[in-house]
Amino acid sequence: MLNEDRLKLMTSIGMFEKKEGKRIFPVYRYFRSDYIGKHLLRSFLGFSFCWVLGTALVVLYKAEDILGTLNFNEIAGYGKTYIGAYLAGLAVYLLITYWVYWRRYEYASRGMKVYVAKLKRLEKRYEMQGKNGQGGRKA
């Protein structure tokens, strides 16, 4: 005979795995610092690559103006401004990345606690049924 409590619990666990599994299980394989660090590195590389591409576009667009001035002090001033803007943008982008992936890890951590609690509850239901003599096959 089917145990309704166990059936409801197994259905709940299955729905939880289907709904939240893609968000929780991949995250929980890492330590927090490793998970966040991996995404910070990806963000750094992505931001730097996009910054270089954007700079190349601007330099190609304004090549005539840049070559027309050829004033070293003015070009050095633009270079300092450019580096300062890059560092400020990078810092803001990395802070946002840190915050987002920290929140995702916390969400996954809480979700994993719920998942493990449901699995333990299901295991206790099986143990209780086994002790009561209801769990075995009839010959």
N, C-alpha and C. Protein backbone atom coordinates (compact mmCIF):
# COMPACT_ATOMS: atom_id res chain seq x y z
N MET A 1 0.84 -1.18 0.00
CA MET A 1 0.00 0.00 0.00
C MET A 1 0.89 1.24 0.00
N LEU A 2 0.46 2.25 -0.70
CA LEU A 2 1.25 3.48 -0.80
C LEU A 2 1.04 4.34 0.44
N ASN A 3 2.10 4.95 0.87
CA ASN A 3 2.05 5.85 1.99
C ASN A 3 1.88 7.27 1.44
N GLU A 4 0.77 7.91 1.77
CA GLU A 4 0.47 9.23 1.20
C GLU A 4 1.48 10.29 1.61
N ASP A 5 1.95 10.24 2.85
CA ASP A 5 2.94 11.23 3.30
C ASP A 5 4.23 11.14 2.50
N ARG A 6 4.69 9.90 2.30
CA ARG A 6 5.92 9.73 1.52
C ARG A 6 5.71 10.14 0.08
N LEU A 7 4.57 9.81 -0.48
CA LEU A 7 4.28 10.17 -1.86
C LEU A 7 4.25 11.68 -2.05
N LYS A 8 3.62 12.38 -1.12
CA LYS A 8 3.58 13.85 -1.19
C LYS A 8 4.98 14.43 -1.04
N LEU A 9 5.76 13.86 -0.14
CA LEU A 9 7.12 14.35 0.08
C LEU A 9 8.00 14.09 -1.14
N MET A 10 7.88 12.92 -1.74
CA MET A 10 8.67 12.62 -2.94
C MET A 10 8.26 13.51 -4.11
N THR A 11 6.97 13.80 -4.22
CA THR A 11 6.50 14.71 -5.26
C THR A 11 7.05 16.11 -5.03
N SER A 12 7.03 16.53 -3.78
CA SER A 12 7.58 17.85 -3.43
C SER A 12 9.07 17.93 -3.76
N ILE A 13 9.81 16.88 -3.45
CA ILE A 13 11.24 16.85 -3.74
C ILE A 13 11.48 16.87 -5.25
N GLY A 14 10.68 16.10 -5.98
CA GLY A 14 10.82 16.08 -7.44
C GLY A 14 10.52 17.44 -8.07
N MET A 15 9.49 18.11 -7.60
CA MET A 15 9.16 19.44 -8.11
C MET A 15 10.25 20.44 -7.76
N PHE A 16 10.79 20.31 -6.55
CA PHE A 16 11.88 21.21 -6.14
C PHE A 16 13.09 21.01 -7.04
N GLU A 17 13.44 19.75 -7.32
CA GLU A 17 14.58 19.47 -8.19
C GLU A 17 14.34 20.02 -9.59
N LYS A 18 13.14 19.87 -10.09
CA LYS A 18 12.85 20.33 -11.44
C LYS A 18 12.86 21.85 -11.52
N LYS A 19 12.30 22.51 -10.51
CA LYS A 19 12.17 23.96 -10.53
C LYS A 19 13.48 24.67 -10.18
N GLU A 20 14.13 24.22 -9.13
CA GLU A 20 15.29 24.92 -8.59
C GLU A 20 16.61 24.22 -8.87
N GLY A 21 16.58 23.02 -9.41
CA GLY A 21 17.79 22.23 -9.57
C GLY A 21 18.86 22.90 -10.42
N LYS A 22 18.46 23.56 -11.50
CA LYS A 22 19.44 24.19 -12.38
C LYS A 22 20.11 25.38 -11.71
N ARG A 23 19.46 25.99 -10.75
CA ARG A 23 20.04 27.14 -10.07
C ARG A 23 20.85 26.74 -8.84
N ILE A 24 20.50 25.63 -8.23
CA ILE A 24 21.12 25.28 -6.95
C ILE A 24 22.26 24.29 -7.09
N PHE A 25 22.05 23.20 -7.80
CA PHE A 25 23.04 22.13 -7.82
C PHE A 25 24.38 22.53 -8.43
N PRO A 26 24.44 23.27 -9.54
CA PRO A 26 25.76 23.67 -10.06
C PRO A 26 26.51 24.61 -9.12
N VAL A 27 25.79 25.46 -8.41
CA VAL A 27 26.42 26.42 -7.51
C VAL A 27 27.01 25.72 -6.30
N TYR A 28 26.32 24.72 -5.82
CA TYR A 28 26.70 24.10 -4.55
C TYR A 28 27.93 23.22 -4.67
N ARG A 29 28.45 23.01 -5.88
CA ARG A 29 29.67 22.23 -6.05
C ARG A 29 30.92 23.01 -5.69
N TYR A 30 30.79 24.31 -5.47
CA TYR A 30 31.93 25.17 -5.21
C TYR A 30 31.87 25.72 -3.78
N PHE A 31 33.04 26.09 -3.27
CA PHE A 31 33.07 26.92 -2.09
C PHE A 31 32.68 28.33 -2.51
N ARG A 32 32.21 29.11 -1.57
CA ARG A 32 31.74 30.46 -1.89
C ARG A 32 32.82 31.29 -2.58
N SER A 33 34.03 31.28 -2.02
CA SER A 33 35.10 32.10 -2.59
C SER A 33 35.48 31.63 -3.99
N ASP A 34 35.45 30.33 -4.23
CA ASP A 34 35.77 29.81 -5.56
C ASP A 34 34.70 30.19 -6.57
N TYR A 35 33.45 30.07 -6.16
CA TYR A 35 32.34 30.40 -7.07
C TYR A 35 32.35 31.88 -7.44
N ILE A 36 32.50 32.73 -6.44
CA ILE A 36 32.50 34.17 -6.70
C ILE A 36 33.77 34.56 -7.46
N GLY A 37 34.91 33.99 -7.09
CA GLY A 37 36.17 34.30 -7.76
C GLY A 37 36.16 33.91 -9.23
N LYS A 38 35.56 32.78 -9.53
CA LYS A 38 35.45 32.33 -10.93
C LYS A 38 34.66 33.35 -11.75
N HIS A 39 33.58 33.84 -11.19
CA HIS A 39 32.76 34.80 -11.93
C HIS A 39 33.40 36.19 -11.96
N LEU A 40 34.15 36.54 -10.93
CA LEU A 40 34.88 37.81 -10.97
C LEU A 40 35.94 37.78 -12.07
N LEU A 41 36.63 36.67 -12.20
CA LEU A 41 37.63 36.54 -13.26
C LEU A 41 36.99 36.63 -14.64
N ARG A 42 35.86 35.93 -14.82
CA ARG A 42 35.15 36.01 -16.09
C ARG A 42 34.70 37.44 -16.38
N SER A 43 34.22 38.13 -15.36
CA SER A 43 33.76 39.51 -15.54
C SER A 43 34.92 40.43 -15.89
N PHE A 44 36.06 40.23 -15.22
CA PHE A 44 37.24 41.04 -15.51
C PHE A 44 37.66 40.87 -16.96
N LEU A 45 37.74 39.62 -17.40
CA LEU A 45 38.16 39.36 -18.78
C LEU A 45 37.14 39.90 -19.79
N GLY A 46 35.88 39.72 -19.50
CA GLY A 46 34.84 40.22 -20.40
C GLY A 46 34.83 41.73 -20.48
N PHE A 47 34.94 42.40 -19.33
CA PHE A 47 34.95 43.87 -19.31
C PHE A 47 36.18 44.39 -20.04
N SER A 48 37.33 43.80 -19.78
CA SER A 48 38.57 44.25 -20.42
C SER A 48 38.51 44.06 -21.93
N PHE A 49 37.99 42.94 -22.37
CA PHE A 49 37.87 42.68 -23.80
C PHE A 49 36.94 43.70 -24.47
N CYS A 50 35.81 43.94 -23.85
CA CYS A 50 34.86 44.92 -24.41
C CYS A 50 35.45 46.33 -24.38
N TRP A 51 36.21 46.65 -23.35
CA TRP A 51 36.84 47.97 -23.26
C TRP A 51 37.86 48.16 -24.39
N VAL A 52 38.64 47.12 -24.63
CA VAL A 52 39.64 47.19 -25.71
C VAL A 52 38.94 47.33 -27.06
N LEU A 53 37.88 46.58 -27.29
CA LEU A 53 37.15 46.70 -28.55
C LEU A 53 36.54 48.10 -28.71
N GLY A 54 35.95 48.61 -27.64
CA GLY A 54 35.39 49.96 -27.69
C GLY A 54 36.45 51.01 -27.95
N THR A 55 37.60 50.85 -27.33
CA THR A 55 38.70 51.79 -27.55
C THR A 55 39.19 51.73 -28.99
N ALA A 56 39.29 50.53 -29.52
CA ALA A 56 39.72 50.39 -30.91
C ALA A 56 38.74 51.08 -31.86
N LEU A 57 37.47 50.95 -31.59
CA LEU A 57 36.47 51.62 -32.43
C LEU A 57 36.59 53.14 -32.34
N VAL A 58 36.76 53.65 -31.13
CA VAL A 58 36.88 55.10 -30.95
C VAL A 58 38.16 55.61 -31.61
N VAL A 59 39.26 54.90 -31.43
CA VAL A 59 40.54 55.33 -32.03
C VAL A 59 40.43 55.30 -33.55
N LEU A 60 39.82 54.27 -34.12
CA LEU A 60 39.67 54.22 -35.57
C LEU A 60 38.75 55.32 -36.07
N TYR A 61 37.71 55.63 -35.32
CA TYR A 61 36.77 56.67 -35.72
C TYR A 61 37.42 58.05 -35.67
N LYS A 62 38.24 58.28 -34.65
CA LYS A 62 38.86 59.59 -34.47
C LYS A 62 40.34 59.59 -34.84
N ALA A 63 40.76 58.69 -35.67
CA ALA A 63 42.18 58.59 -36.04
C ALA A 63 42.69 59.87 -36.68
N GLU A 64 41.90 60.50 -37.50
CA GLU A 64 42.33 61.74 -38.16
C GLU A 64 42.56 62.85 -37.14
N ASP A 65 41.67 62.99 -36.18
CA ASP A 65 41.84 64.02 -35.15
C ASP A 65 43.06 63.73 -34.27
N ILE A 66 43.25 62.46 -33.93
CA ILE A 66 44.37 62.08 -33.07
C ILE A 66 45.70 62.35 -33.78
N LEU A 67 45.79 61.94 -35.03
CA LEU A 67 47.02 62.15 -35.78
C LEU A 67 47.22 63.62 -36.13
N GLY A 68 46.14 64.37 -36.21
CA GLY A 68 46.24 65.81 -36.52
C GLY A 68 46.83 66.60 -35.37
N THR A 69 46.56 66.23 -34.14
CA THR A 69 47.07 66.99 -32.99
C THR A 69 48.53 66.64 -32.70
N LEU A 70 48.84 65.37 -32.58
CA LEU A 70 50.18 64.89 -32.29
C LEU A 70 50.89 65.67 -31.19
N ASN A 71 50.12 66.16 -30.26
CA ASN A 71 50.65 66.84 -29.09
C ASN A 71 50.78 65.78 -27.99
N PHE A 72 52.02 65.52 -27.59
CA PHE A 72 52.28 64.43 -26.65
C PHE A 72 51.59 64.68 -25.31
N ASN A 73 51.61 65.89 -24.82
CA ASN A 73 50.98 66.19 -23.53
C ASN A 73 49.47 65.97 -23.58
N GLU A 74 48.86 66.34 -24.68
CA GLU A 74 47.42 66.15 -24.82
C GLU A 74 47.07 64.66 -24.92
N ILE A 75 47.87 63.92 -25.69
CA ILE A 75 47.64 62.47 -25.82
C ILE A 75 47.88 61.78 -24.47
N ALA A 76 48.87 62.20 -23.71
CA ALA A 76 49.13 61.64 -22.39
C ALA A 76 47.97 61.94 -21.44
N GLY A 77 47.40 63.12 -21.54
CA GLY A 77 46.23 63.47 -20.73
C GLY A 77 45.04 62.59 -21.06
N TYR A 78 44.82 62.35 -22.35
CA TYR A 78 43.75 61.44 -22.76
C TYR A 78 44.01 60.03 -22.25
N GLY A 79 45.27 59.63 -22.28
CA GLY A 79 45.63 58.29 -21.80
C GLY A 79 45.35 58.13 -20.32
N LYS A 80 45.67 59.14 -19.51
CA LYS A 80 45.40 59.09 -18.07
C LYS A 80 43.90 59.05 -17.81
N THR A 81 43.15 59.85 -18.55
CA THR A 81 41.70 59.85 -18.40
C THR A 81 41.13 58.49 -18.80
N TYR A 82 41.65 57.94 -19.88
CA TYR A 82 41.21 56.65 -20.37
C TYR A 82 41.45 55.55 -19.33
N ILE A 83 42.66 55.53 -18.75
CA ILE A 83 43.00 54.52 -17.74
C ILE A 83 42.15 54.71 -16.48
N GLY A 84 41.94 55.96 -16.09
CA GLY A 84 41.10 56.24 -14.92
C GLY A 84 39.66 55.78 -15.14
N ALA A 85 39.13 56.05 -16.33
CA ALA A 85 37.76 55.62 -16.64
C ALA A 85 37.67 54.09 -16.67
N TYR A 86 38.70 53.45 -17.22
CA TYR A 86 38.73 51.98 -17.25
C TYR A 86 38.72 51.41 -15.83
N LEU A 87 39.59 51.93 -14.97
CA LEU A 87 39.68 51.41 -13.60
C LEU A 87 38.39 51.66 -12.82
N ALA A 88 37.80 52.84 -13.00
CA ALA A 88 36.54 53.14 -12.29
C ALA A 88 35.42 52.23 -12.80
N GLY A 89 35.31 52.08 -14.11
CA GLY A 89 34.29 51.20 -14.66
C GLY A 89 34.49 49.76 -14.25
N LEU A 90 35.74 49.33 -14.23
CA LEU A 90 36.05 47.96 -13.83
C LEU A 90 35.67 47.73 -12.36
N ALA A 91 36.01 48.69 -11.52
CA ALA A 91 35.69 48.56 -10.10
C ALA A 91 34.18 48.46 -9.88
N VAL A 92 33.42 49.30 -10.54
CA VAL A 92 31.96 49.26 -10.39
C VAL A 92 31.42 47.93 -10.92
N TYR A 93 31.90 47.50 -12.07
CA TYR A 93 31.43 46.26 -12.68
C TYR A 93 31.77 45.05 -11.79
N LEU A 94 32.95 45.03 -11.22
CA LEU A 94 33.34 43.91 -10.36
C LEU A 94 32.56 43.92 -9.05
N LEU A 95 32.26 45.09 -8.52
CA LEU A 95 31.43 45.16 -7.31
C LEU A 95 30.02 44.63 -7.58
N ILE A 96 29.47 45.00 -8.71
CA ILE A 96 28.14 44.49 -9.07
C ILE A 96 28.19 42.98 -9.28
N THR A 97 29.23 42.51 -9.94
CA THR A 97 29.39 41.07 -10.16
C THR A 97 29.52 40.33 -8.83
N TYR A 98 30.32 40.87 -7.92
CA TYR A 98 30.49 40.25 -6.61
C TYR A 98 29.16 40.15 -5.89
N TRP A 99 28.41 41.24 -5.89
CA TRP A 99 27.13 41.27 -5.19
C TRP A 99 26.16 40.27 -5.80
N VAL A 100 26.05 40.22 -7.11
CA VAL A 100 25.11 39.33 -7.79
C VAL A 100 25.44 37.86 -7.49
N TYR A 101 26.70 37.49 -7.61
CA TYR A 101 27.05 36.08 -7.43
C TYR A 101 27.12 35.70 -5.96
N TRP A 102 27.33 36.64 -5.08
CA TRP A 102 27.22 36.37 -3.65
C TRP A 102 25.76 36.04 -3.31
N ARG A 103 24.83 36.83 -3.86
CA ARG A 103 23.40 36.59 -3.64
C ARG A 103 22.97 35.24 -4.22
N ARG A 104 23.47 34.92 -5.39
CA ARG A 104 23.12 33.63 -6.00
C ARG A 104 23.64 32.46 -5.16
N TYR A 105 24.83 32.60 -4.60
CA TYR A 105 25.38 31.54 -3.77
C TYR A 105 24.56 31.40 -2.49
N GLU A 106 24.18 32.52 -1.90
CA GLU A 106 23.37 32.47 -0.68
C GLU A 106 22.01 31.82 -0.97
N TYR A 107 21.41 32.17 -2.09
CA TYR A 107 20.13 31.58 -2.47
C TYR A 107 20.28 30.06 -2.64
N ALA A 108 21.33 29.64 -3.31
CA ALA A 108 21.57 28.21 -3.52
C ALA A 108 21.85 27.51 -2.20
N SER A 109 22.55 28.17 -1.31
CA SER A 109 22.85 27.58 -0.01
C SER A 109 21.57 27.35 0.80
N ARG A 110 20.70 28.34 0.81
CA ARG A 110 19.42 28.18 1.51
C ARG A 110 18.57 27.11 0.84
N GLY A 111 18.56 27.09 -0.47
CA GLY A 111 17.79 26.07 -1.19
C GLY A 111 18.32 24.67 -0.94
N MET A 112 19.62 24.53 -0.83
CA MET A 112 20.20 23.22 -0.57
C MET A 112 19.84 22.74 0.84
N LYS A 113 19.77 23.66 1.79
CA LYS A 113 19.36 23.28 3.14
C LYS A 113 17.93 22.76 3.14
N VAL A 114 17.06 23.40 2.39
CA VAL A 114 15.67 22.94 2.29
C VAL A 114 15.63 21.56 1.63
N TYR A 115 16.39 21.39 0.58
CA TYR A 115 16.43 20.12 -0.14
C TYR A 115 16.92 19.00 0.76
N VAL A 116 17.99 19.23 1.50
CA VAL A 116 18.54 18.20 2.39
C VAL A 116 17.55 17.89 3.52
N ALA A 117 16.86 18.91 4.03
CA ALA A 117 15.87 18.68 5.08
C ALA A 117 14.73 17.81 4.57
N LYS A 118 14.30 18.04 3.34
CA LYS A 118 13.24 17.21 2.76
C LYS A 118 13.71 15.77 2.56
N LEU A 119 14.96 15.62 2.13
CA LEU A 119 15.49 14.26 1.96
C LEU A 119 15.60 13.53 3.29
N LYS A 120 16.01 14.23 4.34
CA LYS A 120 16.10 13.61 5.67
C LYS A 120 14.71 13.22 6.17
N ARG A 121 13.73 14.07 5.93
CA ARG A 121 12.37 13.76 6.34
C ARG A 121 11.87 12.52 5.60
N LEU A 122 12.18 12.41 4.32
CA LEU A 122 11.78 11.24 3.55
C LEU A 122 12.48 9.98 4.07
N GLU A 123 13.76 10.12 4.41
CA GLU A 123 14.50 8.97 4.95
C GLU A 123 13.88 8.51 6.27
N LYS A 124 13.47 9.46 7.12
CA LYS A 124 12.83 9.08 8.39
C LYS A 124 11.51 8.38 8.15
N ARG A 125 10.78 8.81 7.12
CA ARG A 125 9.51 8.15 6.80
C ARG A 125 9.77 6.68 6.39
N TYR A 126 10.82 6.46 5.62
CA TYR A 126 11.17 5.09 5.23
C TYR A 126 11.58 4.28 6.45
N GLU A 127 12.35 4.87 7.35
CA GLU A 127 12.78 4.16 8.56
C GLU A 127 11.59 3.82 9.45
N MET A 128 10.66 4.77 9.59
CA MET A 128 9.48 4.52 10.42
C MET A 128 8.63 3.41 9.83
N GLN A 129 8.49 3.40 8.51
CA GLN A 129 7.69 2.37 7.87
C GLN A 129 8.37 1.01 8.00
N GLY A 130 9.70 0.99 7.93
CA GLY A 130 10.43 -0.27 8.08
C GLY A 130 10.30 -0.82 9.49
N LYS A 131 10.31 0.04 10.49
CA LYS A 131 10.18 -0.41 11.88
C LYS A 131 8.77 -0.92 12.18
N ASN A 132 7.79 -0.35 11.53
CA ASN A 132 6.41 -0.76 11.75
C ASN A 132 6.06 -2.03 10.99
N GLY A 133 6.96 -2.50 10.14
CA GLY A 133 6.71 -3.73 9.41
C GLY A 133 5.88 -3.53 8.16
N GLN A 134 5.74 -2.33 7.68
CA GLN A 134 4.91 -2.08 6.50
C GLN A 134 5.71 -2.00 5.22
N GLY A 135 7.03 -2.02 5.31
CA GLY A 135 7.84 -1.71 4.15
C GLY A 135 8.29 -2.88 3.33
N GLY A 136 8.21 -4.09 3.81
CA GLY A 136 8.76 -5.21 3.09
C GLY A 136 7.84 -5.74 2.00
N ARG A 137 8.41 -6.54 1.09
CA ARG A 137 7.61 -7.18 0.04
C ARG A 137 6.94 -8.43 0.61
N LYS A 138 5.78 -8.70 0.12
CA LYS A 138 5.10 -9.90 0.55
C LYS A 138 5.38 -11.02 -0.43
N ALA A 139 5.69 -12.19 0.10
CA ALA A 139 6.04 -13.32 -0.76
C ALA A 139 4.84 -14.14 -1.10
